[in-house]
Structure formats: structure tokens, C-alpha cells
Amino acid sequence: MPSSIELAVPRATDAPTAAWWRFPMVWLVIGGPAVVVVASFITLALAIMNPDPVLSTSGAKSKSEQPAVQGRNHAATPGR
């Protein structure tokens, strides 16, 4: 009867293991972060090519905007 040490050692006749890239779970682990990195570069490119316009803070330009400006200014003042 072989000893327990001989049983723990792999034999040369065992079937070879598959390469790491043949397992679908590996591609899920690598693919998730890779998609996020690509999406972040796309978002960066869109942000650089289409910046938000700078809004004027001088106040209302027309009579119809006056209530909104007054409400904004009143909301920004310290409470009583």
C-alpha cells in the first residue's frame, strides 16, 4: 500500500490543466474593470469636447426671470 505522501504528489500521467484564458470566469473578472476603464475614457473625451457653458450670475436678463432670481437670492440669505 502506498504511503499518504505518495498519494499527495501529482503524477506525470495526470491530464494537463487548461490554460487560464480558457476559463470564462477569468474573462468576467478581467472584462468588468476593462469596460469601466474604457467607459471612463469615453466620458472624459465627451467632457473635454463638449464643456458646459458658463452661466452669468449677474441676475435676471428679462422681466420673466425676476421671480426666480429673487427666490434664489432669498433662499441664499441666512434664516431668521
PDB file of N, CA and C in Angstrom:
ATOM      1  N   MET A   1       0.852  -1.180   0.000  1.00  0.00           N
ATOM      2  CA  MET A   1       0.000   0.000   0.000  1.00  0.00           C
ATOM      3  C   MET A   1       0.892   1.235   0.000  1.00  0.00           C
ATOM      4  N   PRO A   2       0.602   2.227  -0.886  1.00  0.00           N
ATOM      5  CA  PRO A   2       1.432   3.434  -0.924  1.00  0.00           C
ATOM      6  C   PRO A   2       1.184   4.293   0.302  1.00  0.00           C
ATOM      7  N   SER A   3       2.177   5.046   0.659  1.00  0.00           N
ATOM      8  CA  SER A   3       2.035   5.932   1.813  1.00  0.00           C
ATOM      9  C   SER A   3       1.229   7.163   1.421  1.00  0.00           C
ATOM     10  N   SER A   4       0.795   7.919   2.423  1.00  0.00           N
ATOM     11  CA  SER A   4      -0.023   9.107   2.154  1.00  0.00           C
ATOM     12  C   SER A   4       0.782  10.191   1.453  1.00  0.00           C
ATOM     13  N   ILE A   5       2.072  10.189   1.588  1.00  0.00           N
ATOM     14  CA  ILE A   5       2.912  11.185   0.921  1.00  0.00           C
ATOM     15  C   ILE A   5       2.917  10.928  -0.577  1.00  0.00           C
ATOM     16  N   GLU A   6       2.948   9.691  -0.983  1.00  0.00           N
ATOM     17  CA  GLU A   6       2.949   9.373  -2.408  1.00  0.00           C
ATOM     18  C   GLU A   6       1.620   9.727  -3.061  1.00  0.00           C
ATOM     19  N   LEU A   7       0.533   9.647  -2.322  1.00  0.00           N
ATOM     20  CA  LEU A   7      -0.770   9.965  -2.890  1.00  0.00           C
ATOM     21  C   LEU A   7      -0.951  11.464  -3.115  1.00  0.00           C
ATOM     22  N   ALA A   8      -0.297  12.295  -2.345  1.00  0.00           N
ATOM     23  CA  ALA A   8      -0.447  13.745  -2.453  1.00  0.00           C
ATOM     24  C   ALA A   8       0.352  14.330  -3.605  1.00  0.00           C
ATOM     25  N   VAL A   9       1.329  13.622  -4.109  1.00  0.00           N
ATOM     26  CA  VAL A   9       2.174  14.135  -5.183  1.00  0.00           C
ATOM     27  C   VAL A   9       1.486  13.887  -6.517  1.00  0.00           C
ATOM     28  N   PRO A  10       1.318  14.916  -7.361  1.00  0.00           N
ATOM     29  CA  PRO A  10       0.691  14.690  -8.657  1.00  0.00           C
ATOM     30  C   PRO A  10       1.590  13.842  -9.552  1.00  0.00           C
ATOM     31  N   ARG A  11       0.988  13.041 -10.351  1.00  0.00           N
ATOM     32  CA  ARG A  11       1.748  12.149 -11.226  1.00  0.00           C
ATOM     33  C   ARG A  11       1.835  12.758 -12.621  1.00  0.00           C
ATOM     34  N   ALA A  12       2.832  12.350 -13.367  1.00  0.00           N
ATOM     35  CA  ALA A  12       3.039  12.838 -14.724  1.00  0.00           C
ATOM     36  C   ALA A  12       1.956  12.329 -15.665  1.00  0.00           C
ATOM     37  N   THR A  13       1.248  11.306 -15.287  1.00  0.00           N
ATOM     38  CA  THR A  13       0.208  10.754 -16.157  1.00  0.00           C
ATOM     39  C   THR A  13      -1.122  11.483 -16.011  1.00  0.00           C
ATOM     40  N   ASP A  14      -1.230  12.411 -15.053  1.00  0.00           N
ATOM     41  CA  ASP A  14      -2.468  13.168 -14.891  1.00  0.00           C
ATOM     42  C   ASP A  14      -2.695  14.051 -16.120  1.00  0.00           C
ATOM     43  N   ALA A  15      -3.953  14.324 -16.422  1.00  0.00           N
ATOM     44  CA  ALA A  15      -4.287  15.173 -17.569  1.00  0.00           C
ATOM     45  C   ALA A  15      -3.791  16.594 -17.307  1.00  0.00           C
ATOM     46  N   PRO A  16      -3.261  17.252 -18.328  1.00  0.00           N
ATOM     47  CA  PRO A  16      -2.791  18.633 -18.131  1.00  0.00           C
ATOM     48  C   PRO A  16      -3.982  19.559 -17.869  1.00  0.00           C
ATOM     49  N   THR A  17      -3.749  20.589 -17.092  1.00  0.00           N
ATOM     50  CA  THR A  17      -4.804  21.552 -16.787  1.00  0.00           C
ATOM     51  C   THR A  17      -4.958  22.525 -17.946  1.00  0.00           C
ATOM     52  N   ALA A  18      -6.122  23.116 -18.055  1.00  0.00           N
ATOM     53  CA  ALA A  18      -6.392  24.065 -19.133  1.00  0.00           C
ATOM     54  C   ALA A  18      -5.696  25.389 -18.831  1.00  0.00           C
ATOM     55  N   ALA A  19      -5.388  26.132 -19.885  1.00  0.00           N
ATOM     56  CA  ALA A  19      -4.745  27.443 -19.734  1.00  0.00           C
ATOM     57  C   ALA A  19      -5.737  28.413 -19.086  1.00  0.00           C
ATOM     58  N   TRP A  20      -5.225  29.449 -18.447  1.00  0.00           N
ATOM     59  CA  TRP A  20      -6.068  30.370 -17.689  1.00  0.00           C
ATOM     60  C   TRP A  20      -7.069  31.097 -18.569  1.00  0.00           C
ATOM     61  N   TRP A  21      -6.734  31.362 -19.823  1.00  0.00           N
ATOM     62  CA  TRP A  21      -7.631  32.122 -20.675  1.00  0.00           C
ATOM     63  C   TRP A  21      -8.790  31.291 -21.217  1.00  0.00           C
ATOM     64  N   ARG A  22      -8.806  30.027 -20.920  1.00  0.00           N
ATOM     65  CA  ARG A  22      -9.896  29.170 -21.381  1.00  0.00           C
ATOM     66  C   ARG A  22     -11.058  29.107 -20.384  1.00  0.00           C
ATOM     67  N   PHE A  23     -10.936  29.752 -19.265  1.00  0.00           N
ATOM     68  CA  PHE A  23     -11.994  29.757 -18.265  1.00  0.00           C
ATOM     69  C   PHE A  23     -12.830  31.026 -18.408  1.00  0.00           C
ATOM     70  N   PRO A  24     -14.150  30.907 -18.587  1.00  0.00           N
ATOM     71  CA  PRO A  24     -14.998  32.097 -18.765  1.00  0.00           C
ATOM     72  C   PRO A  24     -14.985  33.042 -17.563  1.00  0.00           C
ATOM     73  N   MET A  25     -14.817  32.511 -16.364  1.00  0.00           N
ATOM     74  CA  MET A  25     -14.827  33.364 -15.177  1.00  0.00           C
ATOM     75  C   MET A  25     -13.659  34.354 -15.194  1.00  0.00           C
ATOM     76  N   VAL A  26     -12.538  33.960 -15.759  1.00  0.00           N
ATOM     77  CA  VAL A  26     -11.377  34.863 -15.850  1.00  0.00           C
ATOM     78  C   VAL A  26     -11.736  36.072 -16.701  1.00  0.00           C
ATOM     79  N   TRP A  27     -12.464  35.858 -17.796  1.00  0.00           N
ATOM     80  CA  TRP A  27     -12.824  36.969 -18.671  1.00  0.00           C
ATOM     81  C   TRP A  27     -13.860  37.876 -18.024  1.00  0.00           C
ATOM     82  N   LEU A  28     -14.692  37.328 -17.150  1.00  0.00           N
ATOM     83  CA  LEU A  28     -15.613  38.184 -16.402  1.00  0.00           C
ATOM     84  C   LEU A  28     -14.850  39.055 -15.411  1.00  0.00           C
ATOM     85  N   VAL A  29     -13.848  38.497 -14.772  1.00  0.00           N
ATOM     86  CA  VAL A  29     -13.066  39.255 -13.792  1.00  0.00           C
ATOM     87  C   VAL A  29     -12.224  40.325 -14.479  1.00  0.00           C
ATOM     88  N   ILE A  30     -11.661  40.012 -15.625  1.00  0.00           N
ATOM     89  CA  ILE A  30     -10.835  40.979 -16.359  1.00  0.00           C
ATOM     90  C   ILE A  30     -11.711  41.954 -17.135  1.00  0.00           C
ATOM     91  N   GLY A  31     -12.805  41.450 -17.714  1.00  0.00           N
ATOM     92  CA  GLY A  31     -13.643  42.263 -18.584  1.00  0.00           C
ATOM     93  C   GLY A  31     -14.388  43.372 -17.870  1.00  0.00           C
ATOM     94  N   GLY A  32     -14.858  43.120 -16.659  1.00  0.00           N
ATOM     95  CA  GLY A  32     -15.604  44.147 -15.927  1.00  0.00           C
ATOM     96  C   GLY A  32     -14.802  45.420 -15.715  1.00  0.00           C
ATOM     97  N   PRO A  33     -13.637  45.332 -15.078  1.00  0.00           N
ATOM     98  CA  PRO A  33     -12.829  46.539 -14.910  1.00  0.00           C
ATOM     99  C   PRO A  33     -12.351  47.140 -16.238  1.00  0.00           C
ATOM    100  N   ALA A  34     -12.105  46.308 -17.236  1.00  0.00           N
ATOM    101  CA  ALA A  34     -11.663  46.827 -18.540  1.00  0.00           C
ATOM    102  C   ALA A  34     -12.763  47.673 -19.178  1.00  0.00           C
ATOM    103  N   VAL A  35     -14.001  47.238 -19.076  1.00  0.00           N
ATOM    104  CA  VAL A  35     -15.119  48.015 -19.622  1.00  0.00           C
ATOM    105  C   VAL A  35     -15.266  49.343 -18.883  1.00  0.00           C
ATOM    106  N   VAL A  36     -15.062  49.348 -17.589  1.00  0.00           N
ATOM    107  CA  VAL A  36     -15.167  50.575 -16.802  1.00  0.00           C
ATOM    108  C   VAL A  36     -14.067  51.565 -17.201  1.00  0.00           C
ATOM    109  N   VAL A  37     -12.864  51.077 -17.427  1.00  0.00           N
ATOM    110  CA  VAL A  37     -11.762  51.959 -17.838  1.00  0.00           C
ATOM    111  C   VAL A  37     -12.050  52.565 -19.201  1.00  0.00           C
ATOM    112  N   VAL A  38     -12.514  51.765 -20.147  1.00  0.00           N
ATOM    113  CA  VAL A  38     -12.837  52.280 -21.481  1.00  0.00           C
ATOM    114  C   VAL A  38     -13.966  53.301 -21.389  1.00  0.00           C
ATOM    115  N   ALA A  39     -14.989  53.018 -20.607  1.00  0.00           N
ATOM    116  CA  ALA A  39     -16.106  53.954 -20.452  1.00  0.00           C
ATOM    117  C   ALA A  39     -15.651  55.266 -19.810  1.00  0.00           C
ATOM    118  N   SER A  40     -14.702  55.206 -18.884  1.00  0.00           N
ATOM    119  CA  SER A  40     -14.220  56.441 -18.260  1.00  0.00           C
ATOM    120  C   SER A  40     -13.453  57.305 -19.259  1.00  0.00           C
ATOM    121  N   PHE A  41     -12.697  56.677 -20.161  1.00  0.00           N
ATOM    122  CA  PHE A  41     -12.005  57.461 -21.183  1.00  0.00           C
ATOM    123  C   PHE A  41     -12.996  58.070 -22.175  1.00  0.00           C
ATOM    124  N   ILE A  42     -14.052  57.356 -22.501  1.00  0.00           N
ATOM    125  CA  ILE A  42     -15.086  57.910 -23.380  1.00  0.00           C
ATOM    126  C   ILE A  42     -15.771  59.091 -22.703  1.00  0.00           C
ATOM    127  N   THR A  43     -16.071  58.963 -21.423  1.00  0.00           N
ATOM    128  CA  THR A  43     -16.692  60.056 -20.676  1.00  0.00           C
ATOM    129  C   THR A  43     -15.762  61.261 -20.605  1.00  0.00           C
ATOM    130  N   LEU A  44     -14.477  61.030 -20.392  1.00  0.00           N
ATOM    131  CA  LEU A  44     -13.502  62.125 -20.371  1.00  0.00           C
ATOM    132  C   LEU A  44     -13.451  62.835 -21.712  1.00  0.00           C
ATOM    133  N   ALA A  45     -13.432  62.070 -22.806  1.00  0.00           N
ATOM    134  CA  ALA A  45     -13.395  62.680 -24.137  1.00  0.00           C
ATOM    135  C   ALA A  45     -14.652  63.516 -24.388  1.00  0.00           C
ATOM    136  N   LEU A  46     -15.814  63.004 -23.996  1.00  0.00           N
ATOM    137  CA  LEU A  46     -17.049  63.777 -24.169  1.00  0.00           C
ATOM    138  C   LEU A  46     -17.039  65.048 -23.331  1.00  0.00           C
ATOM    139  N   ALA A  47     -16.509  64.975 -22.123  1.00  0.00           N
ATOM    140  CA  ALA A  47     -16.462  66.156 -21.256  1.00  0.00           C
ATOM    141  C   ALA A  47     -15.501  67.206 -21.803  1.00  0.00           C
ATOM    142  N   ILE A  48     -14.418  66.780 -22.403  1.00  0.00           N
ATOM    143  CA  ILE A  48     -13.455  67.737 -22.953  1.00  0.00           C
ATOM    144  C   ILE A  48     -13.993  68.363 -24.235  1.00  0.00           C
ATOM    145  N   MET A  49     -14.643  67.551 -25.089  1.00  0.00           N
ATOM    146  CA  MET A  49     -15.130  68.065 -26.367  1.00  0.00           C
ATOM    147  C   MET A  49     -16.399  68.915 -26.222  1.00  0.00           C
ATOM    148  N   ASN A  50     -17.199  68.680 -25.184  1.00  0.00           N
ATOM    149  CA  ASN A  50     -18.467  69.399 -25.006  1.00  0.00           C
ATOM    150  C   ASN A  50     -18.559  69.982 -23.593  1.00  0.00           C
ATOM    151  N   PRO A  51     -17.799  71.024 -23.306  1.00  0.00           N
ATOM    152  CA  PRO A  51     -17.866  71.583 -21.941  1.00  0.00           C
ATOM    153  C   PRO A  51     -19.196  72.296 -21.707  1.00  0.00           C
ATOM    154  N   ASP A  52     -19.585  72.348 -20.453  1.00  0.00           N
ATOM    155  CA  ASP A  52     -20.812  73.052 -20.093  1.00  0.00           C
ATOM    156  C   ASP A  52     -20.606  74.555 -20.280  1.00  0.00           C
ATOM    157  N   PRO A  53     -21.636  75.273 -20.719  1.00  0.00           N
ATOM    158  CA  PRO A  53     -21.491  76.724 -20.879  1.00  0.00           C
ATOM    159  C   PRO A  53     -21.433  77.412 -19.522  1.00  0.00           C
ATOM    160  N   VAL A  54     -20.731  78.504 -19.483  1.00  0.00           N
ATOM    161  CA  VAL A  54     -20.627  79.289 -18.258  1.00  0.00           C
ATOM    162  C   VAL A  54     -21.867  80.166 -18.162  1.00  0.00           C
ATOM    163  N   LEU A  55     -22.543  80.090 -17.031  1.00  0.00           N
ATOM    164  CA  LEU A  55     -23.753  80.860 -16.840  1.00  0.00           C
ATOM    165  C   LEU A  55     -23.436  82.188 -16.156  1.00  0.00           C
ATOM    166  N   SER A  56     -24.160  83.200 -16.536  1.00  0.00           N
ATOM    167  CA  SER A  56     -23.986  84.516 -15.941  1.00  0.00           C
ATOM    168  C   SER A  56     -24.630  84.533 -14.560  1.00  0.00           C
ATOM    169  N   THR A  57     -23.969  85.128 -13.605  1.00  0.00           N
ATOM    170  CA  THR A  57     -24.513  85.250 -12.256  1.00  0.00           C
ATOM    171  C   THR A  57     -24.911  86.688 -11.948  1.00  0.00           C
ATOM    172  N   SER A  58     -24.968  87.526 -12.989  1.00  0.00           N
ATOM    173  CA  SER A  58     -25.261  88.942 -12.760  1.00  0.00           C
ATOM    174  C   SER A  58     -26.720  89.195 -12.426  1.00  0.00           C
ATOM    175  N   GLY A  59     -27.612  88.273 -12.683  1.00  0.00           N
ATOM    176  CA  GLY A  59     -29.022  88.476 -12.361  1.00  0.00           C
ATOM    177  C   GLY A  59     -29.888  88.173 -13.553  1.00  0.00           C
ATOM    178  N   ALA A  60     -31.146  88.531 -13.427  1.00  0.00           N
ATOM    179  CA  ALA A  60     -32.110  88.240 -14.472  1.00  0.00           C
ATOM    180  C   ALA A  60     -31.916  89.184 -15.644  1.00  0.00           C
ATOM    181  N   LYS A  61     -32.084  88.634 -16.831  1.00  0.00           N
ATOM    182  CA  LYS A  61     -31.936  89.441 -18.032  1.00  0.00           C
ATOM    183  C   LYS A  61     -33.281  89.974 -18.504  1.00  0.00           C
ATOM    184  N   SER A  62     -34.343  89.325 -18.124  1.00  0.00           N
ATOM    185  CA  SER A  62     -35.664  89.772 -18.563  1.00  0.00           C
ATOM    186  C   SER A  62     -36.610  89.837 -17.363  1.00  0.00           C
ATOM    187  N   LYS A  63     -37.758  90.430 -17.604  1.00  0.00           N
ATOM    188  CA  LYS A  63     -38.741  90.587 -16.543  1.00  0.00           C
ATOM    189  C   LYS A  63     -39.295  89.229 -16.093  1.00  0.00           C
ATOM    190  N   SER A  64     -39.354  88.256 -17.009  1.00  0.00           N
ATOM    191  CA  SER A  64     -39.926  86.951 -16.672  1.00  0.00           C
ATOM    192  C   SER A  64     -39.009  86.145 -15.744  1.00  0.00           C
ATOM    193  N   GLU A  65     -37.740  86.467 -15.686  1.00  0.00           N
ATOM    194  CA  GLU A  65     -36.810  85.741 -14.827  1.00  0.00           C
ATOM    195  C   GLU A  65     -36.701  86.344 -13.427  1.00  0.00           C
ATOM    196  N   GLN A  66     -37.300  87.499 -13.191  1.00  0.00           N
ATOM    197  CA  GLN A  66     -37.168  88.182 -11.912  1.00  0.00           C
ATOM    198  C   GLN A  66     -37.655  87.362 -10.719  1.00  0.00           C
ATOM    199  N   PRO A  67     -38.818  86.702 -10.751  1.00  0.00           N
ATOM    200  CA  PRO A  67     -39.238  85.931  -9.574  1.00  0.00           C
ATOM    201  C   PRO A  67     -38.260  84.814  -9.217  1.00  0.00           C
ATOM    202  N   ALA A  68     -37.688  84.169 -10.228  1.00  0.00           N
ATOM    203  CA  ALA A  68     -36.748  83.079  -9.961  1.00  0.00           C
ATOM    204  C   ALA A  68     -35.474  83.611  -9.314  1.00  0.00           C
ATOM    205  N   VAL A  69     -35.002  84.748  -9.771  1.00  0.00           N
ATOM    206  CA  VAL A  69     -33.781  85.336  -9.209  1.00  0.00           C
ATOM    207  C   VAL A  69     -34.034  85.803  -7.787  1.00  0.00           C
ATOM    208  N   GLN A  70     -35.187  86.406  -7.532  1.00  0.00           N
ATOM    209  CA  GLN A  70     -35.499  86.860  -6.184  1.00  0.00           C
ATOM    210  C   GLN A  70     -35.633  85.674  -5.227  1.00  0.00           C
ATOM    211  N   GLY A  71     -36.271  84.609  -5.690  1.00  0.00           N
ATOM    212  CA  GLY A  71     -36.396  83.404  -4.867  1.00  0.00           C
ATOM    213  C   GLY A  71     -35.049  82.782  -4.582  1.00  0.00           C
ATOM    214  N   ARG A  72     -34.179  82.761  -5.562  1.00  0.00           N
ATOM    215  CA  ARG A  72     -32.829  82.209  -5.368  1.00  0.00           C
ATOM    216  C   ARG A  72     -32.060  83.048  -4.361  1.00  0.00           C
ATOM    217  N   ASN A  73     -32.147  84.355  -4.496  1.00  0.00           N
ATOM    218  CA  ASN A  73     -31.419  85.227  -3.577  1.00  0.00           C
ATOM    219  C   ASN A  73     -31.988  85.124  -2.167  1.00  0.00           C
ATOM    220  N   HIS A  74     -33.306  85.023  -2.052  1.00  0.00           N
ATOM    221  CA  HIS A  74     -33.923  84.919  -0.737  1.00  0.00           C
ATOM    222  C   HIS A  74     -33.557  83.581  -0.069  1.00  0.00           C
ATOM    223  N   ALA A  75     -33.478  82.510  -0.845  1.00  0.00           N
ATOM    224  CA  ALA A  75     -33.126  81.206  -0.290  1.00  0.00           C
ATOM    225  C   ALA A  75     -31.674  81.177   0.182  1.00  0.00           C
ATOM    226  N   ALA A  76     -30.838  82.015  -0.388  1.00  0.00           N
ATOM    227  CA  ALA A  76     -29.422  82.017  -0.023  1.00  0.00           C
ATOM    228  C   ALA A  76     -29.135  82.881   1.190  1.00  0.00           C
ATOM    229  N   THR A  77     -30.062  83.708   1.613  1.00  0.00           N
ATOM    230  CA  THR A  77     -29.823  84.563   2.777  1.00  0.00           C
ATOM    231  C   THR A  77     -29.983  83.760   4.055  1.00  0.00           C
ATOM    232  N   PRO A  78     -29.273  84.143   5.115  1.00  0.00           N
ATOM    233  CA  PRO A  78     -29.378  83.416   6.375  1.00  0.00           C
ATOM    234  C   PRO A  78     -30.800  83.501   6.920  1.00  0.00           C
ATOM    235  N   GLY A  79     -31.245  82.445   7.544  1.00  0.00           N
ATOM    236  CA  GLY A  79     -32.615  82.378   8.083  1.00  0.00           C
ATOM    237  C   GLY A  79     -32.799  83.267   9.293  1.00  0.00           C
ATOM    238  N   ARG A  80     -34.045  83.548   9.573  1.00  0.00           N
ATOM    239  CA  ARG A  80     -34.370  84.400  10.734  1.00  0.00           C
ATOM    240  C   ARG A  80     -34.826  83.569  11.865  1.00  0.00           C
TER     241      ARG A  80
END
